[in-house]
Amino acid sequence: MKIYITRHGETEWNAEGKMQGWLDSKLTKKGIENAKKLGESLKHIDFDFVCCSPLGRAIETASHILSEKKPLMVYNSSFKEMGFGTWEGMYHDDIKEKYTTEQYNFWNKPQLYQPLDGETYQAFIDRVKNGFEGLIKDDTKKNVLLVTHAAVIKAIFTVIENRSLENFWAPPFTYDTCLSILEVENGEIRVLMEPDISHLE
């Protein structure tokens, strides 16, 4: 089984510098174009299954990637973005000003981050891990597309590479529509490609 993992395209809130989490905003023109470019680069892949975050920006991205293709699609809440509670819908600069310590720890010292009312890193990683383990159980699938979010992609790599929480946000950066490819065989997971944006060049 090969799993093609991508982040949703750029959204209005991404462009405006707002936190999204479980709240949502529409794709920008750039986000739509990038999703279509990724779809063009993957047009030779016959996806037999698509797993998608239930948030609108991921669903919209999936539709542009797949274009006319109509594989089986399942919406899985295990792969929705991390919940940021009060921060959702706020500008990053305002969060930094009002919640200085929490915001610094979130990005720089995840092991010290204590959410006000959102998800903890551990609860979030556990959620993603459960979803990922369920996804790879069915080895009858050949090519799977997973459309999700930046933190979810980081959580997947944290799990499969057994990273420490301190290194959760380690490079590479998860740009919009970046592509990662994993190969799963006999329970073993190999990373064939880390978050890549060569389709945008």
C-alpha atoms as a PDB file:
ATOM      1  CA  MET A   1       0.000   0.000   0.000  1.00  0.00           C
ATOM      2  CA  LYS A   2       1.151   3.519  -0.792  1.00  0.00           C
ATOM      3  CA  ILE A   3      -0.327   6.443   1.102  1.00  0.00           C
ATOM      4  CA  TYR A   4      -0.161   9.855  -0.545  1.00  0.00           C
ATOM      5  CA  ILE A   5      -0.572  12.490   2.158  1.00  0.00           C
ATOM      6  CA  THR A   6      -1.244  16.142   1.440  1.00  0.00           C
ATOM      7  CA  ARG A   7      -2.199  19.289   3.275  1.00  0.00           C
ATOM      8  CA  HIS A   8      -5.191  21.315   2.097  1.00  0.00           C
ATOM      9  CA  GLY A   9      -4.629  24.290  -0.193  1.00  0.00           C
ATOM     10  CA  GLU A  10      -4.116  27.821   1.085  1.00  0.00           C
ATOM     11  CA  THR A  11      -7.247  29.287   2.685  1.00  0.00           C
ATOM     12  CA  GLU A  12      -8.499  32.813   3.250  1.00  0.00           C
ATOM     13  CA  TRP A  13      -7.549  32.586   6.931  1.00  0.00           C
ATOM     14  CA  ASN A  14      -4.081  31.253   6.049  1.00  0.00           C
ATOM     15  CA  ALA A  15      -3.567  34.313   3.862  1.00  0.00           C
ATOM     16  CA  GLU A  16      -4.954  36.632   6.563  1.00  0.00           C
ATOM     17  CA  GLY A  17      -2.788  35.134   9.311  1.00  0.00           C
ATOM     18  CA  LYS A  18      -5.555  33.553  11.388  1.00  0.00           C
ATOM     19  CA  MET A  19      -5.594  30.273  13.332  1.00  0.00           C
ATOM     20  CA  GLN A  20      -8.149  27.801  11.969  1.00  0.00           C
ATOM     21  CA  GLY A  21      -8.231  24.542  13.898  1.00  0.00           C
ATOM     22  CA  TRP A  22     -11.741  23.121  13.822  1.00  0.00           C
ATOM     23  CA  LEU A  23     -13.151  26.330  12.351  1.00  0.00           C
ATOM     24  CA  ASP A  24     -12.924  26.776   8.610  1.00  0.00           C
ATOM     25  CA  SER A  25     -12.468  29.156   5.700  1.00  0.00           C
ATOM     26  CA  LYS A  26     -12.589  28.760   1.945  1.00  0.00           C
ATOM     27  CA  LEU A  27      -9.640  28.097  -0.322  1.00  0.00           C
ATOM     28  CA  THR A  28      -8.021  31.089  -1.974  1.00  0.00           C
ATOM     29  CA  LYS A  29      -7.463  31.233  -5.727  1.00  0.00           C
ATOM     30  CA  LYS A  30      -3.868  30.179  -5.035  1.00  0.00           C
ATOM     31  CA  GLY A  31      -5.072  27.272  -2.880  1.00  0.00           C
ATOM     32  CA  ILE A  32      -7.344  26.035  -5.652  1.00  0.00           C
ATOM     33  CA  GLU A  33      -4.632  26.371  -8.301  1.00  0.00           C
ATOM     34  CA  ASN A  34      -2.091  24.509  -6.145  1.00  0.00           C
ATOM     35  CA  ALA A  35      -4.557  21.681  -5.487  1.00  0.00           C
ATOM     36  CA  LYS A  36      -5.152  21.375  -9.231  1.00  0.00           C
ATOM     37  CA  LYS A  37      -1.393  21.299  -9.861  1.00  0.00           C
ATOM     38  CA  LEU A  38      -1.021  18.485  -7.354  1.00  0.00           C
ATOM     39  CA  GLY A  39      -3.890  16.655  -9.033  1.00  0.00           C
ATOM     40  CA  GLU A  40      -2.179  17.022 -12.398  1.00  0.00           C
ATOM     41  CA  SER A  41       1.053  15.582 -10.995  1.00  0.00           C
ATOM     42  CA  LEU A  42      -0.877  12.614  -9.568  1.00  0.00           C
ATOM     43  CA  LYS A  43      -3.171  11.984 -12.542  1.00  0.00           C
ATOM     44  CA  HIS A  44      -1.317   8.748 -13.370  1.00  0.00           C
ATOM     45  CA  ILE A  45      -2.149   7.305  -9.920  1.00  0.00           C
ATOM     46  CA  ASP A  46      -5.270   5.175  -9.702  1.00  0.00           C
ATOM     47  CA  PHE A  47      -6.515   5.884  -6.168  1.00  0.00           C
ATOM     48  CA  ASP A  48      -8.754   3.143  -4.855  1.00  0.00           C
ATOM     49  CA  PHE A  49      -9.507   4.973  -1.593  1.00  0.00           C
ATOM     50  CA  VAL A  50      -9.525   8.563  -0.370  1.00  0.00           C
ATOM     51  CA  CYS A  51      -9.477   9.439   3.315  1.00  0.00           C
ATOM     52  CA  CYS A  52     -10.287  13.060   4.034  1.00  0.00           C
ATOM     53  CA  SER A  53     -10.580  15.321   7.025  1.00  0.00           C
ATOM     54  CA  PRO A  54     -14.251  16.322   7.449  1.00  0.00           C
ATOM     55  CA  LEU A  55     -13.351  20.030   7.421  1.00  0.00           C
ATOM     56  CA  GLY A  56     -14.418  21.968   4.349  1.00  0.00           C
ATOM     57  CA  ARG A  57     -10.978  23.138   3.273  1.00  0.00           C
ATOM     58  CA  ALA A  58      -9.751  19.542   3.048  1.00  0.00           C
ATOM     59  CA  ILE A  59     -12.861  18.333   1.222  1.00  0.00           C
ATOM     60  CA  GLU A  60     -12.580  21.215  -1.263  1.00  0.00           C
ATOM     61  CA  THR A  61      -8.900  20.422  -1.821  1.00  0.00           C
ATOM     62  CA  ALA A  62      -9.657  16.748  -2.428  1.00  0.00           C
ATOM     63  CA  SER A  63     -12.234  17.641  -5.068  1.00  0.00           C
ATOM     64  CA  HIS A  64      -9.700  19.713  -7.008  1.00  0.00           C
ATOM     65  CA  ILE A  65      -7.000  17.036  -6.733  1.00  0.00           C
ATOM     66  CA  LEU A  66      -9.308  14.274  -7.945  1.00  0.00           C
ATOM     67  CA  SER A  67     -11.026  16.330 -10.650  1.00  0.00           C
ATOM     68  CA  GLU A  68     -13.111  13.802 -12.607  1.00  0.00           C
ATOM     69  CA  LYS A  69     -11.946  10.766 -10.635  1.00  0.00           C
ATOM     70  CA  LYS A  70     -14.526   9.238  -8.307  1.00  0.00           C
ATOM     71  CA  PRO A  71     -12.800   6.805  -5.924  1.00  0.00           C
ATOM     72  CA  LEU A  72     -14.389   5.752  -2.655  1.00  0.00           C
ATOM     73  CA  MET A  73     -14.067   8.679  -0.214  1.00  0.00           C
ATOM     74  CA  VAL A  74     -14.391   8.494   3.564  1.00  0.00           C
ATOM     75  CA  TYR A  75     -14.397  11.451   5.960  1.00  0.00           C
ATOM     76  CA  ASN A  76     -12.485  10.631   9.121  1.00  0.00           C
ATOM     77  CA  SER A  77     -12.461  12.945  12.153  1.00  0.00           C
ATOM     78  CA  SER A  78      -9.193  11.391  13.342  1.00  0.00           C
ATOM     79  CA  PHE A  79      -7.508  13.453  10.636  1.00  0.00           C
ATOM     80  CA  LYS A  80      -9.090  16.851  11.273  1.00  0.00           C
ATOM     81  CA  GLU A  81      -6.840  19.654  12.454  1.00  0.00           C
ATOM     82  CA  MET A  82      -5.735  20.062  16.052  1.00  0.00           C
ATOM     83  CA  GLY A  83      -8.334  21.858  18.165  1.00  0.00           C
ATOM     84  CA  PHE A  84      -7.106  25.284  19.289  1.00  0.00           C
ATOM     85  CA  GLY A  85     -10.129  26.336  21.335  1.00  0.00           C
ATOM     86  CA  THR A  86     -10.221  30.087  22.036  1.00  0.00           C
ATOM     87  CA  TRP A  87      -7.466  30.763  19.507  1.00  0.00           C
ATOM     88  CA  GLU A  88      -9.558  29.658  16.531  1.00  0.00           C
ATOM     89  CA  GLY A  89     -10.441  32.600  14.321  1.00  0.00           C
ATOM     90  CA  MET A  90      -7.905  34.864  16.051  1.00  0.00           C
ATOM     91  CA  TYR A  91      -4.985  36.518  14.289  1.00  0.00           C
ATOM     92  CA  HIS A  92      -1.598  34.976  15.088  1.00  0.00           C
ATOM     93  CA  ASP A  93      -0.300  38.396  16.188  1.00  0.00           C
ATOM     94  CA  ASP A  94      -3.189  38.839  18.614  1.00  0.00           C
ATOM     95  CA  ILE A  95      -2.606  35.370  20.090  1.00  0.00           C
ATOM     96  CA  LYS A  96       1.077  36.184  20.536  1.00  0.00           C
ATOM     97  CA  GLU A  97       0.214  39.448  22.314  1.00  0.00           C
ATOM     98  CA  LYS A  98      -2.548  38.069  24.565  1.00  0.00           C
ATOM     99  CA  TYR A  99      -1.218  34.569  25.259  1.00  0.00           C
ATOM    100  CA  THR A 100       2.535  35.136  24.929  1.00  0.00           C
ATOM    101  CA  THR A 101       3.820  32.161  26.907  1.00  0.00           C
ATOM    102  CA  GLU A 102       1.274  29.666  25.587  1.00  0.00           C
ATOM    103  CA  GLN A 103       1.834  30.784  22.002  1.00  0.00           C
ATOM    104  CA  TYR A 104       5.620  30.549  22.343  1.00  0.00           C
ATOM    105  CA  ASN A 105       5.424  27.084  23.860  1.00  0.00           C
ATOM    106  CA  PHE A 106       2.980  25.895  21.214  1.00  0.00           C
ATOM    107  CA  TRP A 107       5.440  26.573  18.383  1.00  0.00           C
ATOM    108  CA  ASN A 108       8.797  26.283  20.133  1.00  0.00           C
ATOM    109  CA  LYS A 109       8.411  24.009  23.172  1.00  0.00           C
ATOM    110  CA  PRO A 110       5.464  21.676  22.510  1.00  0.00           C
ATOM    111  CA  GLN A 111       6.402  19.574  25.541  1.00  0.00           C
ATOM    112  CA  LEU A 112       5.545  22.581  27.763  1.00  0.00           C
ATOM    113  CA  TYR A 113       2.361  23.664  25.968  1.00  0.00           C
ATOM    114  CA  GLN A 114      -0.767  23.773  28.120  1.00  0.00           C
ATOM    115  CA  PRO A 115      -3.897  24.659  26.110  1.00  0.00           C
ATOM    116  CA  LEU A 116      -6.496  27.006  27.497  1.00  0.00           C
ATOM    117  CA  ASP A 117      -9.388  24.957  26.176  1.00  0.00           C
ATOM    118  CA  GLY A 118      -8.138  23.205  23.056  1.00  0.00           C
ATOM    119  CA  GLU A 119      -6.470  19.828  22.590  1.00  0.00           C
ATOM    120  CA  THR A 120      -3.215  18.864  24.266  1.00  0.00           C
ATOM    121  CA  TYR A 121      -0.473  17.643  21.966  1.00  0.00           C
ATOM    122  CA  GLN A 122      -0.672  14.146  23.451  1.00  0.00           C
ATOM    123  CA  ALA A 123      -4.445  13.853  23.019  1.00  0.00           C
ATOM    124  CA  PHE A 124      -4.108  15.113  19.456  1.00  0.00           C
ATOM    125  CA  ILE A 125      -1.257  12.739  18.572  1.00  0.00           C
ATOM    126  CA  ASP A 126      -3.168   9.821  20.083  1.00  0.00           C
ATOM    127  CA  ARG A 127      -6.210  10.712  17.964  1.00  0.00           C
ATOM    128  CA  VAL A 128      -4.157  10.831  14.777  1.00  0.00           C
ATOM    129  CA  LYS A 129      -2.305   7.626  15.687  1.00  0.00           C
ATOM    130  CA  ASN A 130      -5.583   5.746  16.147  1.00  0.00           C
ATOM    131  CA  GLY A 131      -6.834   6.950  12.786  1.00  0.00           C
ATOM    132  CA  PHE A 132      -3.580   6.118  11.021  1.00  0.00           C
ATOM    133  CA  GLU A 133      -3.392   2.622  12.486  1.00  0.00           C
ATOM    134  CA  GLY A 134      -6.943   2.012  11.306  1.00  0.00           C
ATOM    135  CA  LEU A 135      -6.072   3.288   7.832  1.00  0.00           C
ATOM    136  CA  ILE A 136      -3.146   0.921   7.327  1.00  0.00           C
ATOM    137  CA  LYS A 137      -4.945  -2.179   8.657  1.00  0.00           C
ATOM    138  CA  ASP A 138      -6.607  -2.898   5.326  1.00  0.00           C
ATOM    139  CA  ASP A 139      -3.699  -3.944   3.125  1.00  0.00           C
ATOM    140  CA  THR A 140      -5.992  -4.710   0.189  1.00  0.00           C
ATOM    141  CA  LYS A 141      -5.795  -1.032  -0.790  1.00  0.00           C
ATOM    142  CA  LYS A 142      -3.031  -0.169  -3.233  1.00  0.00           C
ATOM    143  CA  ASN A 143      -3.066   3.626  -3.486  1.00  0.00           C
ATOM    144  CA  VAL A 144      -4.607   5.781  -0.777  1.00  0.00           C
ATOM    145  CA  LEU A 145      -4.947   9.571  -0.816  1.00  0.00           C
ATOM    146  CA  LEU A 146      -5.099  11.267   2.589  1.00  0.00           C
ATOM    147  CA  VAL A 147      -6.107  14.949   2.547  1.00  0.00           C
ATOM    148  CA  THR A 148      -5.552  16.585   5.896  1.00  0.00           C
ATOM    149  CA  HIS A 149      -3.806  19.410   7.789  1.00  0.00           C
ATOM    150  CA  ALA A 150      -0.323  20.627   8.722  1.00  0.00           C
ATOM    151  CA  ALA A 151      -0.337  19.478  12.352  1.00  0.00           C
ATOM    152  CA  VAL A 152      -1.832  16.103  11.386  1.00  0.00           C
ATOM    153  CA  ILE A 153       1.024  15.486   8.954  1.00  0.00           C
ATOM    154  CA  LYS A 154       3.515  16.386  11.694  1.00  0.00           C
ATOM    155  CA  ALA A 155       1.697  14.029  14.079  1.00  0.00           C
ATOM    156  CA  ILE A 156       1.884  11.146  11.585  1.00  0.00           C
ATOM    157  CA  PHE A 157       5.647  11.616  11.189  1.00  0.00           C
ATOM    158  CA  THR A 158       6.006  11.951  14.966  1.00  0.00           C
ATOM    159  CA  VAL A 159       4.339   8.543  15.325  1.00  0.00           C
ATOM    160  CA  ILE A 160       6.027   6.609  12.521  1.00  0.00           C
ATOM    161  CA  GLU A 161       9.500   8.017  13.237  1.00  0.00           C
ATOM    162  CA  ASN A 162       9.059   7.869  17.014  1.00  0.00           C
ATOM    163  CA  ARG A 163      10.028  11.521  17.352  1.00  0.00           C
ATOM    164  CA  SER A 164      10.147  13.254  20.707  1.00  0.00           C
ATOM    165  CA  LEU A 165       7.474  15.897  21.269  1.00  0.00           C
ATOM    166  CA  GLU A 166      10.219  18.539  21.367  1.00  0.00           C
ATOM    167  CA  ASN A 167      10.806  17.848  17.660  1.00  0.00           C
ATOM    168  CA  PHE A 168       7.153  17.944  16.609  1.00  0.00           C
ATOM    169  CA  TRP A 169       7.624  21.009  14.351  1.00  0.00           C
ATOM    170  CA  ALA A 170      11.046  19.970  13.001  1.00  0.00           C
ATOM    171  CA  PRO A 171      11.636  20.664   9.267  1.00  0.00           C
ATOM    172  CA  PRO A 172      10.582  20.259   6.551  1.00  0.00           C
ATOM    173  CA  PHE A 173       7.803  22.845   6.563  1.00  0.00           C
ATOM    174  CA  THR A 174       4.350  21.603   5.559  1.00  0.00           C
ATOM    175  CA  TYR A 175       3.373  24.030   2.813  1.00  0.00           C
ATOM    176  CA  ASP A 176      -0.119  23.959   1.350  1.00  0.00           C
ATOM    177  CA  THR A 177      -0.648  20.940  -0.954  1.00  0.00           C
ATOM    178  CA  CYS A 178       2.773  19.518   0.011  1.00  0.00           C
ATOM    179  CA  LEU A 179       3.019  15.810  -0.772  1.00  0.00           C
ATOM    180  CA  SER A 180       4.394  12.998   1.387  1.00  0.00           C
ATOM    181  CA  ILE A 181       4.399   9.353   0.304  1.00  0.00           C
ATOM    182  CA  LEU A 182       4.534   6.363   2.630  1.00  0.00           C
ATOM    183  CA  GLU A 183       4.806   2.708   1.667  1.00  0.00           C
ATOM    184  CA  VAL A 184       3.285   0.142   4.010  1.00  0.00           C
ATOM    185  CA  GLU A 185       4.215  -3.510   3.558  1.00  0.00           C
ATOM    186  CA  ASN A 186       3.878  -6.324   6.093  1.00  0.00           C
ATOM    187  CA  GLY A 187       3.393  -3.808   8.863  1.00  0.00           C
ATOM    188  CA  GLU A 188       6.585  -1.934   7.965  1.00  0.00           C
ATOM    189  CA  ILE A 189       6.341   1.749   7.020  1.00  0.00           C
ATOM    190  CA  ARG A 190       8.862   3.380   4.720  1.00  0.00           C
ATOM    191  CA  VAL A 191       9.000   7.085   3.937  1.00  0.00           C
ATOM    192  CA  LEU A 192       9.345   7.485   0.169  1.00  0.00           C
ATOM    193  CA  MET A 193       8.854  11.251   0.145  1.00  0.00           C
ATOM    194  CA  GLU A 194       8.700  13.881   2.881  1.00  0.00           C
ATOM    195  CA  PRO A 195       6.577  17.023   2.439  1.00  0.00           C
ATOM    196  CA  ASP A 196       7.444  18.059  -1.127  1.00  0.00           C
ATOM    197  CA  ILE A 197       6.180  20.912  -3.311  1.00  0.00           C
ATOM    198  CA  SER A 198       7.988  20.181  -6.580  1.00  0.00           C
ATOM    199  CA  HIS A 199       4.582  20.042  -8.319  1.00  0.00           C
ATOM    200  CA  LEU A 200       4.307  23.811  -7.773  1.00  0.00           C
ATOM    201  CA  GLU A 201       7.565  24.634  -9.587  1.00  0.00           C
END
